[in-house]
Amino acid sequence: MERSAVRLPPDVTPPFDVYVNGVPQQEGTDYERRGRVLVFHQALAQEGKLGFGRWLLGAFGIGTYRAHHSVDVRYTLPDGRPMVAENLPVEPRA
């Protein structure tokens, strides 16, 4: 089963909310927390840098699309300020 992992930024502390493409995720159902890493029960993909070939196609008006999952975490700082860590990097995990 393919999985994906996301490392939490240093200032994120529980409680926090996790979203994939704007959809709320549930701990235990959609992901597990292992220390400062969230391990998702599905493979998530993020589009890398645009290569020359895809750029060239785009220059001629030919679109190319790849899967891209945006992982966001909403949390509150100790002083009460609400924060959002957006589009966190996704790592493959076996």
PDB file of N, CA and C in Angstrom:
ATOM      1  N   MET A   1       0.844  -1.179   0.000  1.00  0.00           N
ATOM      2  CA  MET A   1       0.000   0.000   0.000  1.00  0.00           C
ATOM      3  C   MET A   1       0.889   1.242   0.000  1.00  0.00           C
ATOM      4  N   GLU A   2       0.681   2.115  -0.983  1.00  0.00           N
ATOM      5  CA  GLU A   2       1.460   3.333  -1.058  1.00  0.00           C
ATOM      6  C   GLU A   2       0.921   4.360  -0.073  1.00  0.00           C
ATOM      7  N   ARG A   3       1.851   5.043   0.571  1.00  0.00           N
ATOM      8  CA  ARG A   3       1.500   6.080   1.529  1.00  0.00           C
ATOM      9  C   ARG A   3       2.326   7.322   1.231  1.00  0.00           C
ATOM     10  N   SER A   4       1.984   8.410   1.877  1.00  0.00           N
ATOM     11  CA  SER A   4       2.737   9.644   1.749  1.00  0.00           C
ATOM     12  C   SER A   4       2.910  10.250   3.125  1.00  0.00           C
ATOM     13  N   ALA A   5       3.974  11.027   3.283  1.00  0.00           N
ATOM     14  CA  ALA A   5       4.259  11.652   4.566  1.00  0.00           C
ATOM     15  C   ALA A   5       4.453  13.148   4.383  1.00  0.00           C
ATOM     16  N   VAL A   6       4.071  13.896   5.415  1.00  0.00           N
ATOM     17  CA  VAL A   6       4.256  15.341   5.448  1.00  0.00           C
ATOM     18  C   VAL A   6       4.831  15.693   6.810  1.00  0.00           C
ATOM     19  N   ARG A   7       5.941  16.432   6.807  1.00  0.00           N
ATOM     20  CA  ARG A   7       6.562  16.881   8.057  1.00  0.00           C
ATOM     21  C   ARG A   7       5.900  18.183   8.503  1.00  0.00           C
ATOM     22  N   LEU A   8       5.557  18.242   9.784  1.00  0.00           N
ATOM     23  CA  LEU A   8       4.937  19.445  10.327  1.00  0.00           C
ATOM     24  C   LEU A   8       5.998  20.520  10.559  1.00  0.00           C
ATOM     25  N   PRO A   9       5.689  21.770  10.273  1.00  0.00           N
ATOM     26  CA  PRO A   9       6.606  22.861  10.595  1.00  0.00           C
ATOM     27  C   PRO A   9       6.833  22.921  12.108  1.00  0.00           C
ATOM     28  N   PRO A  10       7.955  23.484  12.547  1.00  0.00           N
ATOM     29  CA  PRO A  10       8.301  23.480  13.971  1.00  0.00           C
ATOM     30  C   PRO A  10       7.291  24.172  14.882  1.00  0.00           C
ATOM     31  N   ASP A  11       6.582  25.192  14.400  1.00  0.00           N
ATOM     32  CA  ASP A  11       5.663  25.921  15.280  1.00  0.00           C
ATOM     33  C   ASP A  11       4.264  25.314  15.353  1.00  0.00           C
ATOM     34  N   VAL A  12       4.022  24.197  14.661  1.00  0.00           N
ATOM     35  CA  VAL A  12       2.707  23.542  14.712  1.00  0.00           C
ATOM     36  C   VAL A  12       2.656  22.627  15.928  1.00  0.00           C
ATOM     37  N   THR A  13       1.673  22.890  16.801  1.00  0.00           N
ATOM     38  CA  THR A  13       1.436  22.038  17.965  1.00  0.00           C
ATOM     39  C   THR A  13      -0.049  21.694  18.009  1.00  0.00           C
ATOM     40  N   PRO A  14      -0.375  20.531  18.578  1.00  0.00           N
ATOM     41  CA  PRO A  14      -1.791  20.166  18.679  1.00  0.00           C
ATOM     42  C   PRO A  14      -2.531  21.169  19.555  1.00  0.00           C
ATOM     43  N   PRO A  15      -3.795  21.364  19.310  1.00  0.00           N
ATOM     44  CA  PRO A  15      -4.607  20.758  18.260  1.00  0.00           C
ATOM     45  C   PRO A  15      -4.411  21.497  16.935  1.00  0.00           C
ATOM     46  N   PHE A  16      -4.574  20.767  15.852  1.00  0.00           N
ATOM     47  CA  PHE A  16      -4.502  21.367  14.525  1.00  0.00           C
ATOM     48  C   PHE A  16      -5.437  20.611  13.599  1.00  0.00           C
ATOM     49  N   ASP A  17      -5.779  21.249  12.484  1.00  0.00           N
ATOM     50  CA  ASP A  17      -6.662  20.660  11.478  1.00  0.00           C
ATOM     51  C   ASP A  17      -5.856  20.442  10.205  1.00  0.00           C
ATOM     52  N   VAL A  18      -6.104  19.323   9.537  1.00  0.00           N
ATOM     53  CA  VAL A  18      -5.378  18.964   8.318  1.00  0.00           C
ATOM     54  C   VAL A  18      -6.360  18.928   7.149  1.00  0.00           C
ATOM     55  N   TYR A  19      -5.919  19.486   6.009  1.00  0.00           N
ATOM     56  CA  TYR A  19      -6.736  19.526   4.801  1.00  0.00           C
ATOM     57  C   TYR A  19      -5.901  19.044   3.618  1.00  0.00           C
ATOM     58  N   VAL A  20      -6.512  18.280   2.728  1.00  0.00           N
ATOM     59  CA  VAL A  20      -5.900  17.909   1.452  1.00  0.00           C
ATOM     60  C   VAL A  20      -6.817  18.464   0.368  1.00  0.00           C
ATOM     61  N   ASN A  21      -6.287  19.366  -0.429  1.00  0.00           N
ATOM     62  CA  ASN A  21      -7.067  20.049  -1.467  1.00  0.00           C
ATOM     63  C   ASN A  21      -8.322  20.694  -0.890  1.00  0.00           C
ATOM     64  N   GLY A  22      -8.206  21.230   0.328  1.00  0.00           N
ATOM     65  CA  GLY A  22      -9.317  21.920   0.969  1.00  0.00           C
ATOM     66  C   GLY A  22     -10.314  21.027   1.666  1.00  0.00           C
ATOM     67  N   VAL A  23     -10.117  19.710   1.617  1.00  0.00           N
ATOM     68  CA  VAL A  23     -11.043  18.760   2.242  1.00  0.00           C
ATOM     69  C   VAL A  23     -10.488  18.355   3.607  1.00  0.00           C
ATOM     70  N   PRO A  24     -11.276  18.515   4.688  1.00  0.00           N
ATOM     71  CA  PRO A  24     -10.788  18.138   6.016  1.00  0.00           C
ATOM     72  C   PRO A  24     -10.438  16.651   6.084  1.00  0.00           C
ATOM     73  N   GLN A  25      -9.326  16.350   6.766  1.00  0.00           N
ATOM     74  CA  GLN A  25      -8.868  14.973   6.946  1.00  0.00           C
ATOM     75  C   GLN A  25      -9.003  14.611   8.420  1.00  0.00           C
ATOM     76  N   GLN A  26      -9.290  13.344   8.679  1.00  0.00           N
ATOM     77  CA  GLN A  26      -9.486  12.872  10.050  1.00  0.00           C
ATOM     78  C   GLN A  26      -8.314  11.993  10.482  1.00  0.00           C
ATOM     79  N   GLU A  27      -7.741  12.324  11.643  1.00  0.00           N
ATOM     80  CA  GLU A  27      -6.669  11.490  12.179  1.00  0.00           C
ATOM     81  C   GLU A  27      -7.229  10.101  12.486  1.00  0.00           C
ATOM     82  N   GLY A  28      -6.491   9.075  12.102  1.00  0.00           N
ATOM     83  CA  GLY A  28      -6.922   7.702  12.301  1.00  0.00           C
ATOM     84  C   GLY A  28      -7.640   7.133  11.088  1.00  0.00           C
ATOM     85  N   THR A  29      -8.380   7.962  10.379  1.00  0.00           N
ATOM     86  CA  THR A  29      -9.082   7.524   9.174  1.00  0.00           C
ATOM     87  C   THR A  29      -8.273   7.832   7.926  1.00  0.00           C
ATOM     88  N   ASP A  30      -7.810   9.082   7.818  1.00  0.00           N
ATOM     89  CA  ASP A  30      -7.096   9.533   6.625  1.00  0.00           C
ATOM     90  C   ASP A  30      -5.583   9.573   6.809  1.00  0.00           C
ATOM     91  N   TYR A  31      -5.146   9.774   8.028  1.00  0.00           N
ATOM     92  CA  TYR A  31      -3.709   9.859   8.312  1.00  0.00           C
ATOM     93  C   TYR A  31      -3.432   9.460   9.753  1.00  0.00           C
ATOM     94  N   GLU A  32      -2.165   9.155  10.018  1.00  0.00           N
ATOM     95  CA  GLU A  32      -1.695   8.880  11.371  1.00  0.00           C
ATOM     96  C   GLU A  32      -0.614   9.894  11.704  1.00  0.00           C
ATOM     97  N   ARG A  33      -0.534  10.280  12.964  1.00  0.00           N
ATOM     98  CA  ARG A  33       0.515  11.194  13.391  1.00  0.00           C
ATOM     99  C   ARG A  33       1.616  10.381  14.064  1.00  0.00           C
ATOM    100  N   ARG A  34       2.830  10.528  13.544  1.00  0.00           N
ATOM    101  CA  ARG A  34       3.998   9.852  14.112  1.00  0.00           C
ATOM    102  C   ARG A  34       5.025  10.916  14.475  1.00  0.00           C
ATOM    103  N   GLY A  35       4.935  11.394  15.689  1.00  0.00           N
ATOM    104  CA  GLY A  35       5.805  12.493  16.099  1.00  0.00           C
ATOM    105  C   GLY A  35       5.441  13.747  15.324  1.00  0.00           C
ATOM    106  N   ARG A  36       6.396  14.282  14.575  1.00  0.00           N
ATOM    107  CA  ARG A  36       6.188  15.499  13.795  1.00  0.00           C
ATOM    108  C   ARG A  36       5.889  15.202  12.330  1.00  0.00           C
ATOM    109  N   VAL A  37       5.502  13.956  12.053  1.00  0.00           N
ATOM    110  CA  VAL A  37       5.217  13.540  10.683  1.00  0.00           C
ATOM    111  C   VAL A  37       3.781  13.022  10.599  1.00  0.00           C
ATOM    112  N   LEU A  38       3.076  13.475   9.560  1.00  0.00           N
ATOM    113  CA  LEU A  38       1.751  12.949   9.267  1.00  0.00           C
ATOM    114  C   LEU A  38       1.909  11.927   8.157  1.00  0.00           C
ATOM    115  N   VAL A  39       1.442  10.701   8.391  1.00  0.00           N
ATOM    116  CA  VAL A  39       1.522   9.643   7.386  1.00  0.00           C
ATOM    117  C   VAL A  39       0.115   9.403   6.859  1.00  0.00           C
ATOM    118  N   PHE A  40      -0.069   9.704   5.576  1.00  0.00           N
ATOM    119  CA  PHE A  40      -1.377   9.561   4.944  1.00  0.00           C
ATOM    120  C   PHE A  40      -1.559   8.144   4.432  1.00  0.00           C
ATOM    121  N   HIS A  41      -2.781   7.645   4.479  1.00  0.00           N
ATOM    122  CA  HIS A  41      -3.111   6.291   4.064  1.00  0.00           C
ATOM    123  C   HIS A  41      -3.265   6.168   2.552  1.00  0.00           C
ATOM    124  N   GLN A  42      -2.896   7.190   1.819  1.00  0.00           N
ATOM    125  CA  GLN A  42      -2.983   7.173   0.361  1.00  0.00           C
ATOM    126  C   GLN A  42      -1.741   7.839  -0.210  1.00  0.00           C
ATOM    127  N   ALA A  43      -1.485   7.575  -1.456  1.00  0.00           N
ATOM    128  CA  ALA A  43      -0.361   8.224  -2.127  1.00  0.00           C
ATOM    129  C   ALA A  43      -0.809   9.617  -2.569  1.00  0.00           C
ATOM    130  N   LEU A  44      -0.071  10.614  -2.149  1.00  0.00           N
ATOM    131  CA  LEU A  44      -0.331  11.987  -2.563  1.00  0.00           C
ATOM    132  C   LEU A  44       0.762  12.398  -3.536  1.00  0.00           C
ATOM    133  N   ALA A  45       0.411  13.219  -4.495  1.00  0.00           N
ATOM    134  CA  ALA A  45       1.381  13.651  -5.502  1.00  0.00           C
ATOM    135  C   ALA A  45       1.458  15.170  -5.514  1.00  0.00           C
ATOM    136  N   GLN A  46       2.656  15.672  -5.781  1.00  0.00           N
ATOM    137  CA  GLN A  46       2.832  17.100  -5.980  1.00  0.00           C
ATOM    138  C   GLN A  46       3.590  17.307  -7.271  1.00  0.00           C
ATOM    139  N   GLU A  47       3.099  18.237  -8.062  1.00  0.00           N
ATOM    140  CA  GLU A  47       3.734  18.535  -9.342  1.00  0.00           C
ATOM    141  C   GLU A  47       5.056  19.232  -9.086  1.00  0.00           C
ATOM    142  N   GLY A  48       6.093  18.743  -9.726  1.00  0.00           N
ATOM    143  CA  GLY A  48       7.417  19.341  -9.571  1.00  0.00           C
ATOM    144  C   GLY A  48       7.571  20.561 -10.448  1.00  0.00           C
ATOM    145  N   LYS A  49       8.813  20.932 -10.660  1.00  0.00           N
ATOM    146  CA  LYS A  49       9.098  22.083 -11.512  1.00  0.00           C
ATOM    147  C   LYS A  49       8.692  21.782 -12.945  1.00  0.00           C
ATOM    148  N   LEU A  50       8.332  22.817 -13.655  1.00  0.00           N
ATOM    149  CA  LEU A  50       7.912  22.695 -15.042  1.00  0.00           C
ATOM    150  C   LEU A  50       9.140  22.498 -15.923  1.00  0.00           C
ATOM    151  N   GLY A  51       9.219  21.360 -16.593  1.00  0.00           N
ATOM    152  CA  GLY A  51      10.331  21.072 -17.481  1.00  0.00           C
ATOM    153  C   GLY A  51      10.196  21.813 -18.809  1.00  0.00           C
ATOM    154  N   PHE A  52      11.268  21.809 -19.577  1.00  0.00           N
ATOM    155  CA  PHE A  52      11.281  22.546 -20.838  1.00  0.00           C
ATOM    156  C   PHE A  52      10.204  22.047 -21.799  1.00  0.00           C
ATOM    157  N   GLY A  53      10.040  20.721 -21.895  1.00  0.00           N
ATOM    158  CA  GLY A  53       9.048  20.161 -22.817  1.00  0.00           C
ATOM    159  C   GLY A  53       7.639  20.609 -22.478  1.00  0.00           C
ATOM    160  N   ARG A  54       7.287  20.560 -21.218  1.00  0.00           N
ATOM    161  CA  ARG A  54       5.942  20.987 -20.806  1.00  0.00           C
ATOM    162  C   ARG A  54       5.793  22.493 -20.952  1.00  0.00           C
ATOM    163  N   TRP A  55       6.883  23.241 -20.696  1.00  0.00           N
ATOM    164  CA  TRP A  55       6.831  24.685 -20.893  1.00  0.00           C
ATOM    165  C   TRP A  55       6.589  25.006 -22.363  1.00  0.00           C
ATOM    166  N   LEU A  56       7.297  24.306 -23.241  1.00  0.00           N
ATOM    167  CA  LEU A  56       7.162  24.542 -24.679  1.00  0.00           C
ATOM    168  C   LEU A  56       5.739  24.250 -25.153  1.00  0.00           C
ATOM    169  N   LEU A  57       5.169  23.151 -24.681  1.00  0.00           N
ATOM    170  CA  LEU A  57       3.779  22.841 -25.040  1.00  0.00           C
ATOM    171  C   LEU A  57       2.841  23.947 -24.560  1.00  0.00           C
ATOM    172  N   GLY A  58       3.072  24.427 -23.350  1.00  0.00           N
ATOM    173  CA  GLY A  58       2.246  25.505 -22.809  1.00  0.00           C
ATOM    174  C   GLY A  58       2.376  26.782 -23.606  1.00  0.00           C
ATOM    175  N   ALA A  59       3.570  27.044 -24.135  1.00  0.00           N
ATOM    176  CA  ALA A  59       3.784  28.238 -24.945  1.00  0.00           C
ATOM    177  C   ALA A  59       2.941  28.193 -26.224  1.00  0.00           C
ATOM    178  N   PHE A  60       2.642  26.996 -26.695  1.00  0.00           N
ATOM    179  CA  PHE A  60       1.804  26.838 -27.893  1.00  0.00           C
ATOM    180  C   PHE A  60       0.325  26.641 -27.538  1.00  0.00           C
ATOM    181  N   GLY A  61      -0.012  26.824 -26.278  1.00  0.00           N
ATOM    182  CA  GLY A  61      -1.404  26.725 -25.864  1.00  0.00           C
ATOM    183  C   GLY A  61      -1.888  25.320 -25.620  1.00  0.00           C
ATOM    184  N   ILE A  62      -0.959  24.369 -25.501  1.00  0.00           N
ATOM    185  CA  ILE A  62      -1.332  22.979 -25.226  1.00  0.00           C
ATOM    186  C   ILE A  62      -1.098  22.729 -23.742  1.00  0.00           C
ATOM    187  N   GLY A  63      -2.176  22.503 -23.011  1.00  0.00           N
ATOM    188  CA  GLY A  63      -2.055  22.300 -21.569  1.00  0.00           C
ATOM    189  C   GLY A  63      -1.695  20.877 -21.217  1.00  0.00           C
ATOM    190  N   THR A  64      -0.893  20.725 -20.184  1.00  0.00           N
ATOM    191  CA  THR A  64      -0.596  19.402 -19.628  1.00  0.00           C
ATOM    192  C   THR A  64      -0.903  19.476 -18.146  1.00  0.00           C
ATOM    193  N   TYR A  65      -1.465  18.423 -17.621  1.00  0.00           N
ATOM    194  CA  TYR A  65      -1.878  18.425 -16.233  1.00  0.00           C
ATOM    195  C   TYR A  65      -1.346  17.183 -15.535  1.00  0.00           C
ATOM    196  N   ARG A  66      -0.941  17.380 -14.304  1.00  0.00           N
ATOM    197  CA  ARG A  66      -0.500  16.276 -13.452  1.00  0.00           C
ATOM    198  C   ARG A  66      -1.231  16.397 -12.119  1.00  0.00           C
ATOM    199  N   ALA A  67      -1.275  15.287 -11.428  1.00  0.00           N
ATOM    200  CA  ALA A  67      -1.913  15.302 -10.114  1.00  0.00           C
ATOM    201  C   ALA A  67      -1.114  16.195  -9.171  1.00  0.00           C
ATOM    202  N   HIS A  68      -1.821  16.958  -8.359  1.00  0.00           N
ATOM    203  CA  HIS A  68      -1.170  17.798  -7.353  1.00  0.00           C
ATOM    204  C   HIS A  68      -2.080  17.865  -6.139  1.00  0.00           C
ATOM    205  N   HIS A  69      -1.584  17.377  -5.024  1.00  0.00           N
ATOM    206  CA  HIS A  69      -2.328  17.427  -3.768  1.00  0.00           C
ATOM    207  C   HIS A  69      -1.703  18.509  -2.884  1.00  0.00           C
ATOM    208  N   SER A  70      -2.515  19.419  -2.443  1.00  0.00           N
ATOM    209  CA  SER A  70      -2.071  20.483  -1.554  1.00  0.00           C
ATOM    210  C   SER A  70      -2.443  20.104  -0.126  1.00  0.00           C
ATOM    211  N   VAL A  71      -1.434  19.984   0.746  1.00  0.00           N
ATOM    212  CA  VAL A  71      -1.667  19.643   2.147  1.00  0.00           C
ATOM    213  C   VAL A  71      -1.481  20.915   2.975  1.00  0.00           C
ATOM    214  N   ASP A  72      -2.535  21.297   3.694  1.00  0.00           N
ATOM    215  CA  ASP A  72      -2.513  22.484   4.539  1.00  0.00           C
ATOM    216  C   ASP A  72      -2.826  22.084   5.970  1.00  0.00           C
ATOM    217  N   VAL A  73      -2.219  22.799   6.925  1.00  0.00           N
ATOM    218  CA  VAL A  73      -2.467  22.551   8.345  1.00  0.00           C
ATOM    219  C   VAL A  73      -2.850  23.872   8.991  1.00  0.00           C
ATOM    220  N   ARG A  74      -4.004  23.886   9.634  1.00  0.00           N
ATOM    221  CA  ARG A  74      -4.475  25.076  10.360  1.00  0.00           C
ATOM    222  C   ARG A  74      -4.235  24.860  11.842  1.00  0.00           C
ATOM    223  N   TYR A  75      -3.596  25.833  12.486  1.00  0.00           N
ATOM    224  CA  TYR A  75      -3.243  25.696  13.897  1.00  0.00           C
ATOM    225  C   TYR A  75      -3.260  27.068  14.558  1.00  0.00           C
ATOM    226  N   THR A  76      -3.066  27.108  15.863  1.00  0.00           N
ATOM    227  CA  THR A  76      -3.056  28.352  16.622  1.00  0.00           C
ATOM    228  C   THR A  76      -1.743  28.459  17.382  1.00  0.00           C
ATOM    229  N   LEU A  77      -1.109  29.623  17.296  1.00  0.00           N
ATOM    230  CA  LEU A  77       0.127  29.869  18.046  1.00  0.00           C
ATOM    231  C   LEU A  77      -0.195  30.041  19.525  1.00  0.00           C
ATOM    232  N   PRO A  78       0.788  29.866  20.407  1.00  0.00           N
ATOM    233  CA  PRO A  78       0.524  30.014  21.844  1.00  0.00           C
ATOM    234  C   PRO A  78      -0.059  31.378  22.228  1.00  0.00           C
ATOM    235  N   ASP A  79       0.238  32.425  21.446  1.00  0.00           N
ATOM    236  CA  ASP A  79      -0.318  33.749  21.761  1.00  0.00           C
ATOM    237  C   ASP A  79      -1.735  33.933  21.216  1.00  0.00           C
ATOM    238  N   GLY A  80      -2.304  32.870  20.610  1.00  0.00           N
ATOM    239  CA  GLY A  80      -3.680  32.905  20.149  1.00  0.00           C
ATOM    240  C   GLY A  80      -3.872  33.266  18.687  1.00  0.00           C
ATOM    241  N   ARG A  81      -2.783  33.574  17.970  1.00  0.00           N
ATOM    242  CA  ARG A  81      -2.919  33.922  16.554  1.00  0.00           C
ATOM    243  C   ARG A  81      -3.174  32.683  15.719  1.00  0.00           C
ATOM    244  N   PRO A  82      -4.225  32.707  14.886  1.00  0.00           N
ATOM    245  CA  PRO A  82      -4.471  31.568  13.993  1.00  0.00           C
ATOM    246  C   PRO A  82      -3.478  31.599  12.831  1.00  0.00           C
ATOM    247  N   MET A  83      -3.008  30.429  12.424  1.00  0.00           N
ATOM    248  CA  MET A  83      -2.025  30.303  11.353  1.00  0.00           C
ATOM    249  C   MET A  83      -2.430  29.163  10.426  1.00  0.00           C
ATOM    250  N   VAL A  84      -1.908  29.208   9.188  1.00  0.00           N
ATOM    251  CA  VAL A  84      -2.090  28.117   8.232  1.00  0.00           C
ATOM    252  C   VAL A  84      -0.744  27.853   7.569  1.00  0.00           C
ATOM    253  N   ALA A  85      -0.298  26.605   7.628  1.00  0.00           N
ATOM    254  CA  ALA A  85       0.883  26.172   6.883  1.00  0.00           C
ATOM    255  C   ALA A  85       0.346  25.583   5.588  1.00  0.00           C
ATOM    256  N   GLU A  86       0.668  26.232   4.455  1.00  0.00           N
ATOM    257  CA  GLU A  86       0.067  25.866   3.173  1.00  0.00           C
ATOM    258  C   GLU A  86       0.994  25.080   2.275  1.00  0.00           C
ATOM    259  N   ASN A  87       0.401  24.183   1.514  1.00  0.00           N
ATOM    260  CA  ASN A  87       1.101  23.433   0.473  1.00  0.00           C
ATOM    261  C   ASN A  87       2.406  22.808   0.983  1.00  0.00           C
ATOM    262  N   LEU A  88       2.284  22.071   2.080  1.00  0.00           N
ATOM    263  CA  LEU A  88       3.463  21.440   2.684  1.00  0.00           C
ATOM    264  C   LEU A  88       4.027  20.371   1.755  1.00  0.00           C
ATOM    265  N   PRO A  89       5.342  20.209   1.736  1.00  0.00           N
ATOM    266  CA  PRO A  89       5.969  19.200   0.853  1.00  0.00           C
ATOM    267  C   PRO A  89       5.538  17.780   1.214  1.00  0.00           C
ATOM    268  N   VAL A  90       5.262  16.995   0.199  1.00  0.00           N
ATOM    269  CA  VAL A  90       4.835  15.597   0.368  1.00  0.00           C
ATOM    270  C   VAL A  90       5.996  14.694   0.018  1.00  0.00           C
ATOM    271  N   GLU A  91       6.226  13.677   0.854  1.00  0.00           N
ATOM    272  CA  GLU A  91       7.286  12.687   0.622  1.00  0.00           C
ATOM    273  C   GLU A  91       6.646  11.325   0.455  1.00  0.00           C
ATOM    274  N   PRO A  92       7.137  10.516  -0.479  1.00  0.00           N
ATOM    275  CA  PRO A  92       6.612   9.139  -0.589  1.00  0.00           C
ATOM    276  C   PRO A  92       7.028   8.329   0.631  1.00  0.00           C
ATOM    277  N   ARG A  93       6.181   7.399   1.038  1.00  0.00           N
ATOM    278  CA  ARG A  93       6.480   6.556   2.185  1.00  0.00           C
ATOM    279  C   ARG A  93       5.930   5.176   1.902  1.00  0.00           C
ATOM    280  N   ALA A  94       6.723   4.145   2.145  1.00  0.00           N
ATOM    281  CA  ALA A  94       6.273   2.755   1.899  1.00  0.00           C
ATOM    282  C   ALA A  94       5.418   2.255   3.035  1.00  0.00           C
TER     283      ALA A  94
END
